[in-house]
Amino acid sequence: MSDTLLTVPDVAAQLKVPEQAVRRWLRTGQLEGIRLGGTKAGWRIEPAAVARFLEQRRQAGKAAA
């Protein structure tokens, strides 16, 4: 695991999407993340997981084209 973990707002800003979309991807397993204890702690996401998520979406887009 890398030392730098991203928060939901970090990933949302990076991808220019609403935070709700990032949370949905995490809940459904489309984006890998670490759920911290408690409801207020939220999620942490490795930058490599974001890169894998984007690559999977690119590949899915190519397959649909």
N, C-alpha and C. Protein backbone atom coordinates (compact mmCIF):
# COMPACT_ATOMS: atom_id res chain seq x y z
N MET A 1 0.85 -1.18 0.00
CA MET A 1 0.00 0.00 0.00
C MET A 1 0.89 1.23 0.00
N SER A 2 0.52 2.23 -0.75
CA SER A 2 1.31 3.44 -0.77
C SER A 2 1.07 4.24 0.50
N ASP A 3 1.98 5.17 0.78
CA ASP A 3 1.85 6.00 1.96
C ASP A 3 0.77 7.06 1.80
N THR A 4 0.50 7.45 0.56
CA THR A 4 -0.46 8.50 0.30
C THR A 4 -1.81 7.89 -0.07
N LEU A 5 -2.77 8.08 0.81
CA LEU A 5 -4.12 7.61 0.52
C LEU A 5 -5.00 8.82 0.25
N LEU A 6 -5.89 8.65 -0.69
CA LEU A 6 -6.80 9.73 -1.08
C LEU A 6 -8.13 9.59 -0.38
N THR A 7 -8.79 10.70 -0.17
CA THR A 7 -10.14 10.70 0.38
C THR A 7 -11.14 10.74 -0.77
N VAL A 8 -12.41 10.55 -0.45
CA VAL A 8 -13.46 10.65 -1.47
C VAL A 8 -13.44 12.03 -2.12
N PRO A 9 -13.36 13.12 -1.34
CA PRO A 9 -13.29 14.43 -2.00
C PRO A 9 -12.07 14.59 -2.91
N ASP A 10 -10.93 14.01 -2.52
CA ASP A 10 -9.73 14.06 -3.36
C ASP A 10 -9.99 13.42 -4.72
N VAL A 11 -10.56 12.21 -4.69
CA VAL A 11 -10.81 11.47 -5.93
C VAL A 11 -11.87 12.17 -6.77
N ALA A 12 -12.90 12.67 -6.11
CA ALA A 12 -13.96 13.38 -6.84
C ALA A 12 -13.39 14.60 -7.56
N ALA A 13 -12.52 15.34 -6.90
CA ALA A 13 -11.91 16.52 -7.52
C ALA A 13 -11.01 16.11 -8.68
N GLN A 14 -10.24 15.05 -8.47
CA GLN A 14 -9.33 14.58 -9.51
C GLN A 14 -10.09 14.15 -10.76
N LEU A 15 -11.20 13.44 -10.56
CA LEU A 15 -11.98 12.92 -11.69
C LEU A 15 -13.06 13.88 -12.18
N LYS A 16 -13.24 14.98 -11.44
CA LYS A 16 -14.25 15.99 -11.78
C LYS A 16 -15.65 15.38 -11.84
N VAL A 17 -15.97 14.64 -10.76
CA VAL A 17 -17.28 14.03 -10.61
C VAL A 17 -17.79 14.33 -9.20
N PRO A 18 -19.08 14.17 -8.97
CA PRO A 18 -19.61 14.37 -7.61
C PRO A 18 -19.07 13.31 -6.64
N GLU A 19 -18.94 13.69 -5.38
CA GLU A 19 -18.50 12.74 -4.35
C GLU A 19 -19.42 11.53 -4.27
N GLN A 20 -20.71 11.73 -4.52
CA GLN A 20 -21.67 10.63 -4.48
C GLN A 20 -21.31 9.56 -5.50
N ALA A 21 -20.80 9.95 -6.65
CA ALA A 21 -20.41 8.98 -7.68
C ALA A 21 -19.24 8.13 -7.19
N VAL A 22 -18.26 8.77 -6.55
CA VAL A 22 -17.11 8.04 -6.02
C VAL A 22 -17.57 7.06 -4.94
N ARG A 23 -18.45 7.51 -4.06
CA ARG A 23 -18.96 6.61 -3.00
C ARG A 23 -19.73 5.42 -3.59
N ARG A 24 -20.49 5.68 -4.65
CA ARG A 24 -21.24 4.60 -5.30
C ARG A 24 -20.27 3.59 -5.91
N TRP A 25 -19.23 4.06 -6.59
CA TRP A 25 -18.23 3.15 -7.17
C TRP A 25 -17.55 2.33 -6.09
N LEU A 26 -17.29 2.94 -4.95
CA LEU A 26 -16.67 2.21 -3.84
C LEU A 26 -17.63 1.15 -3.28
N ARG A 27 -18.89 1.54 -3.06
CA ARG A 27 -19.87 0.59 -2.51
C ARG A 27 -20.10 -0.59 -3.43
N THR A 28 -20.09 -0.34 -4.74
CA THR A 28 -20.38 -1.41 -5.69
C THR A 28 -19.14 -2.20 -6.10
N GLY A 29 -17.98 -1.78 -5.60
CA GLY A 29 -16.75 -2.51 -5.90
C GLY A 29 -16.09 -2.14 -7.22
N GLN A 30 -16.63 -1.15 -7.91
CA GLN A 30 -16.00 -0.72 -9.17
C GLN A 30 -14.67 -0.03 -8.91
N LEU A 31 -14.58 0.64 -7.77
CA LEU A 31 -13.35 1.32 -7.35
C LEU A 31 -12.93 0.70 -6.02
N GLU A 32 -11.68 0.29 -5.94
CA GLU A 32 -11.18 -0.32 -4.71
C GLU A 32 -10.86 0.75 -3.69
N GLY A 33 -11.27 0.51 -2.46
CA GLY A 33 -10.97 1.44 -1.39
C GLY A 33 -10.96 0.73 -0.05
N ILE A 34 -10.51 1.45 0.95
CA ILE A 34 -10.44 0.92 2.30
C ILE A 34 -11.48 1.65 3.13
N ARG A 35 -12.41 0.91 3.69
CA ARG A 35 -13.46 1.51 4.53
C ARG A 35 -12.92 1.61 5.94
N LEU A 36 -12.83 2.82 6.44
CA LEU A 36 -12.35 3.02 7.80
C LEU A 36 -13.50 2.82 8.77
N GLY A 37 -13.17 2.49 9.99
CA GLY A 37 -14.20 2.23 11.00
C GLY A 37 -15.05 3.44 11.29
N GLY A 38 -16.29 3.19 11.59
CA GLY A 38 -17.22 4.27 11.92
C GLY A 38 -17.80 4.93 10.68
N THR A 39 -18.94 5.54 10.85
CA THR A 39 -19.62 6.14 9.71
C THR A 39 -18.99 7.47 9.30
N LYS A 40 -18.33 8.15 10.22
CA LYS A 40 -17.75 9.45 9.90
C LYS A 40 -16.36 9.34 9.29
N ALA A 41 -15.69 8.21 9.48
CA ALA A 41 -14.31 8.07 9.02
C ALA A 41 -14.21 7.99 7.50
N GLY A 42 -15.18 7.33 6.87
CA GLY A 42 -15.23 7.28 5.41
C GLY A 42 -14.27 6.29 4.78
N TRP A 43 -13.87 6.62 3.57
CA TRP A 43 -13.05 5.75 2.73
C TRP A 43 -11.69 6.36 2.50
N ARG A 44 -10.71 5.50 2.17
CA ARG A 44 -9.42 5.93 1.68
C ARG A 44 -9.10 5.11 0.45
N ILE A 45 -8.53 5.76 -0.55
CA ILE A 45 -8.31 5.13 -1.85
C ILE A 45 -6.85 5.32 -2.24
N GLU A 46 -6.21 4.25 -2.68
CA GLU A 46 -4.85 4.34 -3.17
C GLU A 46 -4.85 4.96 -4.56
N PRO A 47 -3.87 5.80 -4.87
CA PRO A 47 -3.78 6.36 -6.22
C PRO A 47 -3.75 5.28 -7.31
N ALA A 48 -3.10 4.15 -7.03
CA ALA A 48 -3.04 3.06 -8.01
C ALA A 48 -4.43 2.50 -8.28
N ALA A 49 -5.31 2.49 -7.28
CA ALA A 49 -6.67 2.00 -7.47
C ALA A 49 -7.44 2.93 -8.41
N VAL A 50 -7.19 4.22 -8.30
CA VAL A 50 -7.84 5.18 -9.20
C VAL A 50 -7.35 4.95 -10.63
N ALA A 51 -6.05 4.72 -10.78
CA ALA A 51 -5.50 4.46 -12.11
C ALA A 51 -6.09 3.19 -12.72
N ARG A 52 -6.24 2.13 -11.92
CA ARG A 52 -6.86 0.88 -12.42
C ARG A 52 -8.30 1.12 -12.81
N PHE A 53 -9.03 1.86 -12.00
CA PHE A 53 -10.43 2.17 -12.28
C PHE A 53 -10.55 2.90 -13.61
N LEU A 54 -9.71 3.90 -13.82
CA LEU A 54 -9.76 4.66 -15.08
C LEU A 54 -9.42 3.78 -16.27
N GLU A 55 -8.43 2.92 -16.12
CA GLU A 55 -8.05 2.02 -17.21
C GLU A 55 -9.19 1.05 -17.55
N GLN A 56 -9.85 0.52 -16.53
CA GLN A 56 -10.99 -0.39 -16.76
C GLN A 56 -12.10 0.34 -17.52
N ARG A 57 -12.34 1.58 -17.17
CA ARG A 57 -13.38 2.36 -17.85
C ARG A 57 -12.98 2.65 -19.29
N ARG A 58 -11.70 2.92 -19.51
CA ARG A 58 -11.23 3.16 -20.89
C ARG A 58 -11.41 1.89 -21.72
N GLN A 59 -11.03 0.75 -21.13
CA GLN A 59 -11.16 -0.52 -21.86
C GLN A 59 -12.62 -0.83 -22.16
N ALA A 60 -13.49 -0.58 -21.21
CA ALA A 60 -14.92 -0.81 -21.42
C ALA A 60 -15.45 0.10 -22.52
N GLY A 61 -14.97 1.33 -22.57
CA GLY A 61 -15.38 2.26 -23.63
C GLY A 61 -14.92 1.80 -25.00
N LYS A 62 -13.71 1.26 -25.08
CA LYS A 62 -13.20 0.74 -26.35
C LYS A 62 -14.00 -0.47 -26.81
N ALA A 63 -14.38 -1.32 -25.86
CA ALA A 63 -15.14 -2.52 -26.20
C ALA A 63 -16.53 -2.16 -26.72
N ALA A 64 -17.09 -1.08 -26.19
CA ALA A 64 -18.43 -0.66 -26.60
C ALA A 64 -18.42 0.03 -27.97
N ALA A 65 -17.27 0.55 -28.35
CA ALA A 65 -17.18 1.30 -29.62
C ALA A 65 -17.09 0.40 -30.83
